[in-house]
Amino acid sequence: SVLPWTAKNPDLNPIEHVWDLLDRRVRARAIPPRNVWELAGAFVEEWGNISQQELANLVQSMRRRCTTVLNAAGGHTRY
């Protein structure tokens, strides 16, 4: 079966949560990036540090996320 899917709902797009995870990891670094090249390098490094379990957890959360968005009629959720 096919669900009606809102095209721009970040709650239903796991990659949005990966970007958030990357952002938080880069911002938490002891020495922040000082230029765009260091920033790009930090993102590449942190991307490589994301575990398969973290990604699996995001995918496994989709049923819960879909239910929450449906219950909120597409409105704001805690995600």
PDB file of N, CA and C in Angstrom:
ATOM      1  N   SER A   1       0.844  -1.187   0.000  1.00  0.00           N
ATOM      2  CA  SER A   1       0.000   0.000   0.000  1.00  0.00           C
ATOM      3  C   SER A   1       0.884   1.244   0.000  1.00  0.00           C
ATOM      4  N   VAL A   2       0.342   2.313  -0.496  1.00  0.00           N
ATOM      5  CA  VAL A   2       1.073   3.569  -0.611  1.00  0.00           C
ATOM      6  C   VAL A   2       0.465   4.572   0.355  1.00  0.00           C
ATOM      7  N   LEU A   3       1.322   5.228   1.114  1.00  0.00           N
ATOM      8  CA  LEU A   3       0.867   6.279   2.022  1.00  0.00           C
ATOM      9  C   LEU A   3       0.958   7.628   1.337  1.00  0.00           C
ATOM     10  N   PRO A   4      -0.021   8.497   1.554  1.00  0.00           N
ATOM     11  CA  PRO A   4       0.156   9.869   1.074  1.00  0.00           C
ATOM     12  C   PRO A   4       1.313  10.487   1.864  1.00  0.00           C
ATOM     13  N   TRP A   5       2.298  11.023   1.182  1.00  0.00           N
ATOM     14  CA  TRP A   5       3.537  11.450   1.821  1.00  0.00           C
ATOM     15  C   TRP A   5       3.749  12.930   1.555  1.00  0.00           C
ATOM     16  N   THR A   6       3.921  13.695   2.592  1.00  0.00           N
ATOM     17  CA  THR A   6       4.201  15.116   2.395  1.00  0.00           C
ATOM     18  C   THR A   6       5.639  15.257   1.898  1.00  0.00           C
ATOM     19  N   ALA A   7       5.806  15.939   0.813  1.00  0.00           N
ATOM     20  CA  ALA A   7       7.106  16.004   0.140  1.00  0.00           C
ATOM     21  C   ALA A   7       8.188  16.690   0.960  1.00  0.00           C
ATOM     22  N   LYS A   8       7.819  17.618   1.794  1.00  0.00           N
ATOM     23  CA  LYS A   8       8.837  18.404   2.493  1.00  0.00           C
ATOM     24  C   LYS A   8       8.735  18.290   4.009  1.00  0.00           C
ATOM     25  N   ASN A   9       8.280  17.168   4.502  1.00  0.00           N
ATOM     26  CA  ASN A   9       8.166  16.996   5.950  1.00  0.00           C
ATOM     27  C   ASN A   9       9.459  16.380   6.477  1.00  0.00           C
ATOM     28  N   PRO A  10      10.289  17.160   7.183  1.00  0.00           N
ATOM     29  CA  PRO A  10      11.562  16.630   7.660  1.00  0.00           C
ATOM     30  C   PRO A  10      11.402  15.501   8.676  1.00  0.00           C
ATOM     31  N   ASP A  11      10.257  15.422   9.348  1.00  0.00           N
ATOM     32  CA  ASP A  11      10.023  14.335  10.301  1.00  0.00           C
ATOM     33  C   ASP A  11      10.039  12.984   9.596  1.00  0.00           C
ATOM     34  N   LEU A  12       9.694  12.967   8.315  1.00  0.00           N
ATOM     35  CA  LEU A  12       9.586  11.716   7.578  1.00  0.00           C
ATOM     36  C   LEU A  12      10.768  11.478   6.644  1.00  0.00           C
ATOM     37  N   ASN A  13      11.838  12.198   6.867  1.00  0.00           N
ATOM     38  CA  ASN A  13      13.011  12.060   6.022  1.00  0.00           C
ATOM     39  C   ASN A  13      14.231  11.801   6.901  1.00  0.00           C
ATOM     40  N   PRO A  14      14.655  10.546   7.021  1.00  0.00           N
ATOM     41  CA  PRO A  14      15.760  10.227   7.941  1.00  0.00           C
ATOM     42  C   PRO A  14      17.042  11.009   7.667  1.00  0.00           C
ATOM     43  N   ILE A  15      17.312  11.401   6.430  1.00  0.00           N
ATOM     44  CA  ILE A  15      18.554  12.116   6.149  1.00  0.00           C
ATOM     45  C   ILE A  15      18.584  13.453   6.869  1.00  0.00           C
ATOM     46  N   GLU A  16      17.432  14.067   7.104  1.00  0.00           N
ATOM     47  CA  GLU A  16      17.393  15.328   7.841  1.00  0.00           C
ATOM     48  C   GLU A  16      17.941  15.135   9.251  1.00  0.00           C
ATOM     49  N   HIS A  17      17.670  13.972   9.829  1.00  0.00           N
ATOM     50  CA  HIS A  17      18.160  13.687  11.175  1.00  0.00           C
ATOM     51  C   HIS A  17      19.654  13.361  11.158  1.00  0.00           C
ATOM     52  N   VAL A  18      20.144  12.819  10.057  1.00  0.00           N
ATOM     53  CA  VAL A  18      21.583  12.588   9.909  1.00  0.00           C
ATOM     54  C   VAL A  18      22.296  13.935   9.807  1.00  0.00           C
ATOM     55  N   TRP A  19      21.733  14.864   9.037  1.00  0.00           N
ATOM     56  CA  TRP A  19      22.342  16.201   8.940  1.00  0.00           C
ATOM     57  C   TRP A  19      22.382  16.868  10.308  1.00  0.00           C
ATOM     58  N   ASP A  20      21.313  16.710  11.078  1.00  0.00           N
ATOM     59  CA  ASP A  20      21.280  17.287  12.424  1.00  0.00           C
ATOM     60  C   ASP A  20      22.363  16.660  13.307  1.00  0.00           C
ATOM     61  N   LEU A  21      22.519  15.351  13.225  1.00  0.00           N
ATOM     62  CA  LEU A  21      23.549  14.653  13.984  1.00  0.00           C
ATOM     63  C   LEU A  21      24.940  15.169  13.600  1.00  0.00           C
ATOM     64  N   LEU A  22      25.190  15.312  12.307  1.00  0.00           N
ATOM     65  CA  LEU A  22      26.480  15.834  11.843  1.00  0.00           C
ATOM     66  C   LEU A  22      26.714  17.252  12.353  1.00  0.00           C
ATOM     67  N   ASP A  23      25.704  18.079  12.268  1.00  0.00           N
ATOM     68  CA  ASP A  23      25.810  19.463  12.735  1.00  0.00           C
ATOM     69  C   ASP A  23      26.179  19.497  14.221  1.00  0.00           C
ATOM     70  N   ARG A  24      25.484  18.707  15.030  1.00  0.00           N
ATOM     71  CA  ARG A  24      25.768  18.694  16.468  1.00  0.00           C
ATOM     72  C   ARG A  24      27.182  18.206  16.761  1.00  0.00           C
ATOM     73  N   ARG A  25      27.643  17.193  16.023  1.00  0.00           N
ATOM     74  CA  ARG A  25      28.991  16.660  16.246  1.00  0.00           C
ATOM     75  C   ARG A  25      30.070  17.676  15.862  1.00  0.00           C
ATOM     76  N   VAL A  26      29.869  18.358  14.749  1.00  0.00           N
ATOM     77  CA  VAL A  26      30.860  19.349  14.332  1.00  0.00           C
ATOM     78  C   VAL A  26      30.877  20.514  15.316  1.00  0.00           C
ATOM     79  N   ARG A  27      29.711  20.960  15.764  1.00  0.00           N
ATOM     80  CA  ARG A  27      29.656  22.072  16.725  1.00  0.00           C
ATOM     81  C   ARG A  27      30.251  21.708  18.082  1.00  0.00           C
ATOM     82  N   ALA A  28      30.243  20.424  18.422  1.00  0.00           N
ATOM     83  CA  ALA A  28      30.749  19.975  19.726  1.00  0.00           C
ATOM     84  C   ALA A  28      32.264  19.762  19.734  1.00  0.00           C
ATOM     85  N   ARG A  29      32.925  19.928  18.617  1.00  0.00           N
ATOM     86  CA  ARG A  29      34.364  19.713  18.555  1.00  0.00           C
ATOM     87  C   ARG A  29      35.104  20.693  19.466  1.00  0.00           C
ATOM     88  N   ALA A  30      36.168  20.191  20.085  1.00  0.00           N
ATOM     89  CA  ALA A  30      36.967  21.028  20.986  1.00  0.00           C
ATOM     90  C   ALA A  30      37.561  22.222  20.238  1.00  0.00           C
ATOM     91  N   ILE A  31      38.019  21.989  19.021  1.00  0.00           N
ATOM     92  CA  ILE A  31      38.557  23.068  18.181  1.00  0.00           C
ATOM     93  C   ILE A  31      37.636  23.208  16.974  1.00  0.00           C
ATOM     94  N   PRO A  32      36.832  24.269  16.931  1.00  0.00           N
ATOM     95  CA  PRO A  32      35.888  24.417  15.817  1.00  0.00           C
ATOM     96  C   PRO A  32      36.615  24.705  14.501  1.00  0.00           C
ATOM     97  N   PRO A  33      36.001  24.318  13.395  1.00  0.00           N
ATOM     98  CA  PRO A  33      36.589  24.633  12.083  1.00  0.00           C
ATOM     99  C   PRO A  33      36.722  26.151  11.921  1.00  0.00           C
ATOM    100  N   ARG A  34      37.845  26.578  11.327  1.00  0.00           N
ATOM    101  CA  ARG A  34      38.110  28.015  11.177  1.00  0.00           C
ATOM    102  C   ARG A  34      37.822  28.536   9.779  1.00  0.00           C
ATOM    103  N   ASN A  35      37.624  27.632   8.833  1.00  0.00           N
ATOM    104  CA  ASN A  35      37.337  28.069   7.466  1.00  0.00           C
ATOM    105  C   ASN A  35      36.524  26.979   6.775  1.00  0.00           C
ATOM    106  N   VAL A  36      36.144  27.242   5.544  1.00  0.00           N
ATOM    107  CA  VAL A  36      35.260  26.317   4.827  1.00  0.00           C
ATOM    108  C   VAL A  36      35.945  24.973   4.575  1.00  0.00           C
ATOM    109  N   TRP A  37      37.258  24.979   4.386  1.00  0.00           N
ATOM    110  CA  TRP A  37      37.977  23.725   4.127  1.00  0.00           C
ATOM    111  C   TRP A  37      38.008  22.851   5.375  1.00  0.00           C
ATOM    112  N   GLU A  38      38.250  23.469   6.514  1.00  0.00           N
ATOM    113  CA  GLU A  38      38.229  22.717   7.770  1.00  0.00           C
ATOM    114  C   GLU A  38      36.817  22.224   8.077  1.00  0.00           C
ATOM    115  N   LEU A  39      35.831  23.058   7.757  1.00  0.00           N
ATOM    116  CA  LEU A  39      34.441  22.653   7.975  1.00  0.00           C
ATOM    117  C   LEU A  39      34.092  21.434   7.125  1.00  0.00           C
ATOM    118  N   ALA A  40      34.476  21.478   5.858  1.00  0.00           N
ATOM    119  CA  ALA A  40      34.207  20.340   4.969  1.00  0.00           C
ATOM    120  C   ALA A  40      34.921  19.093   5.486  1.00  0.00           C
ATOM    121  N   GLY A  41      36.147  19.241   5.913  1.00  0.00           N
ATOM    122  CA  GLY A  41      36.893  18.108   6.461  1.00  0.00           C
ATOM    123  C   GLY A  41      36.260  17.553   7.716  1.00  0.00           C
ATOM    124  N   ALA A  42      35.749  18.446   8.570  1.00  0.00           N
ATOM    125  CA  ALA A  42      35.088  18.007   9.792  1.00  0.00           C
ATOM    126  C   ALA A  42      33.825  17.215   9.482  1.00  0.00           C
ATOM    127  N   PHE A  43      33.064  17.689   8.501  1.00  0.00           N
ATOM    128  CA  PHE A  43      31.850  16.959   8.121  1.00  0.00           C
ATOM    129  C   PHE A  43      32.183  15.582   7.555  1.00  0.00           C
ATOM    130  N   VAL A  44      33.208  15.512   6.717  1.00  0.00           N
ATOM    131  CA  VAL A  44      33.604  14.216   6.151  1.00  0.00           C
ATOM    132  C   VAL A  44      34.054  13.269   7.267  1.00  0.00           C
ATOM    133  N   GLU A  45      34.852  13.794   8.188  1.00  0.00           N
ATOM    134  CA  GLU A  45      35.331  12.959   9.295  1.00  0.00           C
ATOM    135  C   GLU A  45      34.176  12.472  10.167  1.00  0.00           C
ATOM    136  N   GLU A  46      33.275  13.375  10.517  1.00  0.00           N
ATOM    137  CA  GLU A  46      32.148  12.991  11.374  1.00  0.00           C
ATOM    138  C   GLU A  46      31.194  12.052  10.647  1.00  0.00           C
ATOM    139  N   TRP A  47      31.038  12.234   9.336  1.00  0.00           N
ATOM    140  CA  TRP A  47      30.205  11.318   8.543  1.00  0.00           C
ATOM    141  C   TRP A  47      30.740   9.901   8.693  1.00  0.00           C
ATOM    142  N   GLY A  48      32.057   9.758   8.629  1.00  0.00           N
ATOM    143  CA  GLY A  48      32.683   8.451   8.772  1.00  0.00           C
ATOM    144  C   GLY A  48      32.554   7.867  10.164  1.00  0.00           C
ATOM    145  N   ASN A  49      32.295   8.717  11.139  1.00  0.00           N
ATOM    146  CA  ASN A  49      32.155   8.258  12.528  1.00  0.00           C
ATOM    147  C   ASN A  49      30.743   7.826  12.892  1.00  0.00           C
ATOM    148  N   ILE A  50      29.784   8.045  12.004  1.00  0.00           N
ATOM    149  CA  ILE A  50      28.409   7.626  12.295  1.00  0.00           C
ATOM    150  C   ILE A  50      28.348   6.104  12.195  1.00  0.00           C
ATOM    151  N   SER A  51      27.868   5.490  13.239  1.00  0.00           N
ATOM    152  CA  SER A  51      27.818   4.023  13.248  1.00  0.00           C
ATOM    153  C   SER A  51      26.611   3.507  12.464  1.00  0.00           C
ATOM    154  N   GLN A  52      26.745   2.281  12.015  1.00  0.00           N
ATOM    155  CA  GLN A  52      25.625   1.638  11.331  1.00  0.00           C
ATOM    156  C   GLN A  52      24.432   1.510  12.271  1.00  0.00           C
ATOM    157  N   GLN A  53      24.690   1.344  13.559  1.00  0.00           N
ATOM    158  CA  GLN A  53      23.597   1.235  14.528  1.00  0.00           C
ATOM    159  C   GLN A  53      22.806   2.538  14.617  1.00  0.00           C
ATOM    160  N   GLU A  54      23.512   3.669  14.583  1.00  0.00           N
ATOM    161  CA  GLU A  54      22.813   4.963  14.620  1.00  0.00           C
ATOM    162  C   GLU A  54      21.909   5.122  13.400  1.00  0.00           C
ATOM    163  N   LEU A  55      22.407   4.727  12.243  1.00  0.00           N
ATOM    164  CA  LEU A  55      21.593   4.818  11.025  1.00  0.00           C
ATOM    165  C   LEU A  55      20.424   3.836  11.081  1.00  0.00           C
ATOM    166  N   ALA A  56      20.676   2.623  11.583  1.00  0.00           N
ATOM    167  CA  ALA A  56      19.597   1.636  11.712  1.00  0.00           C
ATOM    168  C   ALA A  56      18.523   2.142  12.663  1.00  0.00           C
ATOM    169  N   ASN A  57      18.930   2.808  13.740  1.00  0.00           N
ATOM    170  CA  ASN A  57      17.948   3.355  14.690  1.00  0.00           C
ATOM    171  C   ASN A  57      17.044   4.377  14.011  1.00  0.00           C
ATOM    172  N   LEU A  58      17.616   5.213  13.147  1.00  0.00           N
ATOM    173  CA  LEU A  58      16.798   6.191  12.424  1.00  0.00           C
ATOM    174  C   LEU A  58      15.786   5.501  11.519  1.00  0.00           C
ATOM    175  N   VAL A  59      16.235   4.507  10.790  1.00  0.00           N
ATOM    176  CA  VAL A  59      15.332   3.789   9.889  1.00  0.00           C
ATOM    177  C   VAL A  59      14.253   3.072  10.687  1.00  0.00           C
ATOM    178  N   GLN A  60      14.633   2.446  11.795  1.00  0.00           N
ATOM    179  CA  GLN A  60      13.665   1.709  12.613  1.00  0.00           C
ATOM    180  C   GLN A  60      12.656   2.633  13.285  1.00  0.00           C
ATOM    181  N   SER A  61      12.982   3.909  13.413  1.00  0.00           N
ATOM    182  CA  SER A  61      12.055   4.851  14.040  1.00  0.00           C
ATOM    183  C   SER A  61      10.978   5.344  13.079  1.00  0.00           C
ATOM    184  N   MET A  62      11.045   4.961  11.808  1.00  0.00           N
ATOM    185  CA  MET A  62      10.106   5.501  10.826  1.00  0.00           C
ATOM    186  C   MET A  62       8.650   5.148  11.103  1.00  0.00           C
ATOM    187  N   ARG A  63       8.371   3.940  11.567  1.00  0.00           N
ATOM    188  CA  ARG A  63       6.980   3.589  11.870  1.00  0.00           C
ATOM    189  C   ARG A  63       6.424   4.532  12.944  1.00  0.00           C
ATOM    190  N   ARG A  64       7.217   4.753  13.995  1.00  0.00           N
ATOM    191  CA  ARG A  64       6.797   5.652  15.075  1.00  0.00           C
ATOM    192  C   ARG A  64       6.638   7.082  14.553  1.00  0.00           C
ATOM    193  N   ARG A  65       7.564   7.521  13.714  1.00  0.00           N
ATOM    194  CA  ARG A  65       7.486   8.878  13.159  1.00  0.00           C
ATOM    195  C   ARG A  65       6.237   9.052  12.287  1.00  0.00           C
ATOM    196  N   CYS A  66       5.976   8.065  11.438  1.00  0.00           N
ATOM    197  CA  CYS A  66       4.785   8.133  10.579  1.00  0.00           C
ATOM    198  C   CYS A  66       3.521   8.200  11.412  1.00  0.00           C
ATOM    199  N   THR A  67       3.426   7.362  12.424  1.00  0.00           N
ATOM    200  CA  THR A  67       2.256   7.363  13.302  1.00  0.00           C
ATOM    201  C   THR A  67       2.089   8.715  13.977  1.00  0.00           C
ATOM    202  N   THR A  68       3.195   9.279  14.457  1.00  0.00           N
ATOM    203  CA  THR A  68       3.144  10.573  15.144  1.00  0.00           C
ATOM    204  C   THR A  68       2.693  11.677  14.198  1.00  0.00           C
ATOM    205  N   VAL A  69       3.211  11.688  12.980  1.00  0.00           N
ATOM    206  CA  VAL A  69       2.819  12.715  12.008  1.00  0.00           C
ATOM    207  C   VAL A  69       1.353  12.554  11.616  1.00  0.00           C
ATOM    208  N   LEU A  70       0.916  11.306  11.436  1.00  0.00           N
ATOM    209  CA  LEU A  70      -0.505  11.080  11.119  1.00  0.00           C
ATOM    210  C   LEU A  70      -1.399  11.541  12.257  1.00  0.00           C
ATOM    211  N   ASN A  71      -1.016  11.243  13.489  1.00  0.00           N
ATOM    212  CA  ASN A  71      -1.810  11.671  14.648  1.00  0.00           C
ATOM    213  C   ASN A  71      -1.842  13.189  14.786  1.00  0.00           C
ATOM    214  N   ALA A  72      -0.777  13.845  14.332  1.00  0.00           N
ATOM    215  CA  ALA A  72      -0.718  15.301  14.377  1.00  0.00           C
ATOM    216  C   ALA A  72      -1.311  15.943  13.121  1.00  0.00           C
ATOM    217  N   ALA A  73      -1.900  15.119  12.256  1.00  0.00           N
ATOM    218  CA  ALA A  73      -2.498  15.591  10.992  1.00  0.00           C
ATOM    219  C   ALA A  73      -1.500  16.420  10.195  1.00  0.00           C
ATOM    220  N   GLY A  74      -0.232  15.992  10.219  1.00  0.00           N
ATOM    221  CA  GLY A  74       0.796  16.696   9.459  1.00  0.00           C
ATOM    222  C   GLY A  74       1.365  17.900  10.165  1.00  0.00           C
ATOM    223  N   GLY A  75       0.872  18.166  11.366  1.00  0.00           N
ATOM    224  CA  GLY A  75       1.358  19.336  12.120  1.00  0.00           C
ATOM    225  C   GLY A  75       2.652  19.068  12.856  1.00  0.00           C
ATOM    226  N   HIS A  76       2.961  19.934  13.778  1.00  0.00           N
ATOM    227  CA  HIS A  76       4.216  19.887  14.534  1.00  0.00           C
ATOM    228  C   HIS A  76       4.297  18.617  15.371  1.00  0.00           C
ATOM    229  N   THR A  77       5.477  18.008  15.391  1.00  0.00           N
ATOM    230  CA  THR A  77       5.745  16.862  16.260  1.00  0.00           C
ATOM    231  C   THR A  77       7.031  17.125  17.029  1.00  0.00           C
ATOM    232  N   ARG A  78       7.340  16.240  17.973  1.00  0.00           N
ATOM    233  CA  ARG A  78       8.560  16.420  18.766  1.00  0.00           C
ATOM    234  C   ARG A  78       9.817  16.076  17.978  1.00  0.00           C
ATOM    235  N   TYR A  79       9.676  15.501  16.804  1.00  0.00           N
ATOM    236  CA  TYR A  79      10.827  15.155  15.993  1.00  0.00           C
ATOM    237  C   TYR A  79      11.299  16.348  15.213  1.00  0.00           C
TER     238      TYR A  79
END
